[in-house]
């Protein structure tokens, strides 16, 4: 388990590949947990920075723990480090690739 310290809270992230046992959050709850306006989450989804899970019956967005973590990571880069959205896209892509490579290495080493 990793802890990500932000300016106001600590968010706990499960290890990559671990499934969350919680039900996904509706947009309003996810926005409250991430301390952003719901429209900001919609914007990040439209830009492809986040993967969203629409409810097929209602068409409403639902986000899991990992998506809330990603929103917090995006907001940290944007607010605290002053990175623009184009830079955030590149950073997130590199972080995701690094995590996949680390997971593959752990798998090969039998860890």
Protein backbone atom coordinates (compact mmCIF):
# COMPACT_ATOMS: atom_id res chain seq x y z
CA UNK A 1 0.00 0.00 0.00
CA UNK A 2 1.30 3.48 -0.86
CA UNK A 3 0.43 6.75 0.79
CA UNK A 4 0.32 9.90 -1.26
CA UNK A 5 0.62 13.08 0.78
CA UNK A 6 -1.16 16.08 -0.60
CA UNK A 7 -1.43 19.50 0.92
CA UNK A 8 -4.59 18.62 2.84
CA UNK A 9 -4.89 14.85 3.17
CA UNK A 10 -3.27 11.48 2.78
CA UNK A 11 -4.85 9.21 0.21
CA UNK A 12 -4.21 5.48 0.40
CA UNK A 13 -3.77 3.66 -2.89
CA UNK A 14 -3.96 -0.09 -3.30
CA UNK A 15 -1.05 -1.72 -5.07
CA UNK A 16 -1.36 -1.80 -8.86
CA UNK A 17 -3.32 -4.82 -9.98
CA UNK A 18 -5.19 -5.13 -6.68
CA UNK A 19 -8.94 -5.01 -7.06
CA UNK A 20 -10.86 -2.62 -4.86
CA UNK A 21 -13.63 -4.23 -2.83
CA UNK A 22 -15.59 -0.98 -2.59
CA UNK A 23 -18.46 -0.02 -4.81
CA UNK A 24 -17.60 2.76 -7.28
CA UNK A 25 -18.36 6.32 -6.22
CA UNK A 26 -20.90 8.49 -7.99
CA UNK A 27 -19.53 11.68 -9.51
CA UNK A 28 -20.52 13.93 -6.60
CA UNK A 29 -18.92 11.64 -4.00
CA UNK A 30 -15.76 11.16 -6.06
CA UNK A 31 -15.46 14.93 -6.52
CA UNK A 32 -15.86 15.50 -2.78
CA UNK A 33 -13.20 12.87 -2.00
CA UNK A 34 -10.83 14.38 -4.55
CA UNK A 35 -11.63 17.92 -3.38
CA UNK A 36 -12.53 19.16 -6.87
CA UNK A 37 -15.70 20.30 -8.62
CA UNK A 38 -17.51 17.48 -10.48
CA UNK A 39 -17.13 19.38 -13.75
CA UNK A 40 -13.34 19.15 -13.40
CA UNK A 41 -13.61 15.35 -13.30
CA UNK A 42 -15.83 15.41 -16.40
CA UNK A 43 -13.24 17.61 -18.11
CA UNK A 44 -10.42 15.19 -17.25
CA UNK A 45 -12.51 12.32 -18.63
CA UNK A 46 -13.16 14.21 -21.87
CA UNK A 47 -9.42 14.85 -22.21
CA UNK A 48 -8.66 11.16 -21.68
CA UNK A 49 -6.72 11.75 -18.46
CA UNK A 50 -9.16 9.53 -16.53
CA UNK A 51 -11.00 6.34 -17.27
CA UNK A 52 -14.60 6.63 -16.22
CA UNK A 53 -17.26 3.96 -15.81
CA UNK A 54 -20.66 5.21 -16.89
CA UNK A 55 -23.68 3.47 -15.41
CA UNK A 56 -25.38 1.92 -18.45
CA UNK A 57 -28.86 2.39 -16.93
CA UNK A 58 -28.54 6.05 -15.91
CA UNK A 59 -25.56 7.24 -17.93
CA UNK A 60 -24.02 8.73 -14.77
CA UNK A 61 -20.27 8.55 -14.17
CA UNK A 62 -18.86 6.30 -11.48
CA UNK A 63 -15.25 6.28 -10.32
CA UNK A 64 -13.36 3.74 -8.26
CA UNK A 65 -10.63 4.34 -5.67
CA UNK A 66 -7.93 4.33 -8.33
CA UNK A 67 -9.73 7.01 -10.37
CA UNK A 68 -10.09 9.22 -7.27
CA UNK A 69 -6.36 8.69 -6.65
CA UNK A 70 -5.65 9.74 -10.25
CA UNK A 71 -7.70 12.93 -9.83
CA UNK A 72 -5.69 13.77 -6.72
CA UNK A 73 -2.45 13.08 -8.59
CA UNK A 74 -3.54 15.33 -11.49
CA UNK A 75 -4.56 18.10 -9.10
CA UNK A 76 -1.23 17.86 -7.24
CA UNK A 77 0.71 18.20 -10.50
CA UNK A 78 -1.51 21.08 -11.65
CA UNK A 79 -1.74 23.06 -8.42
CA UNK A 80 1.46 22.33 -6.54
CA UNK A 81 3.92 21.77 -9.37
CA UNK A 82 2.38 24.13 -11.94
CA UNK A 83 2.30 21.53 -14.72
CA UNK A 84 -0.14 22.21 -17.58
CA UNK A 85 -2.55 19.54 -18.83
CA UNK A 86 -0.35 18.58 -21.78
CA UNK A 87 2.55 17.98 -19.39
CA UNK A 88 0.29 16.08 -17.00
CA UNK A 89 -0.75 13.76 -19.84
CA UNK A 90 2.92 12.98 -20.56
CA UNK A 91 3.77 12.49 -16.87
CA UNK A 92 0.79 10.18 -16.29
CA UNK A 93 1.67 8.14 -19.36
CA UNK A 94 5.25 7.73 -18.15
CA UNK A 95 4.11 6.84 -14.61
CA UNK A 96 1.68 4.22 -15.94
CA UNK A 97 4.35 2.71 -18.19
CA UNK A 98 6.79 2.60 -15.26
CA UNK A 99 4.19 0.88 -13.07
CA UNK A 100 3.50 -1.72 -15.77
CA UNK A 101 7.23 -2.38 -16.21
CA UNK A 102 7.67 -2.70 -12.44
CA UNK A 103 4.76 -5.13 -12.25
CA UNK A 104 6.19 -7.20 -15.11
CA UNK A 105 9.60 -7.29 -13.44
CA UNK A 106 8.06 -8.40 -10.12
CA UNK A 107 6.11 -11.10 -11.95
CA UNK A 108 9.25 -12.39 -13.67
CA UNK A 109 11.19 -12.38 -10.40
CA UNK A 110 8.36 -14.20 -8.66
CA UNK A 111 7.79 -11.46 -6.07
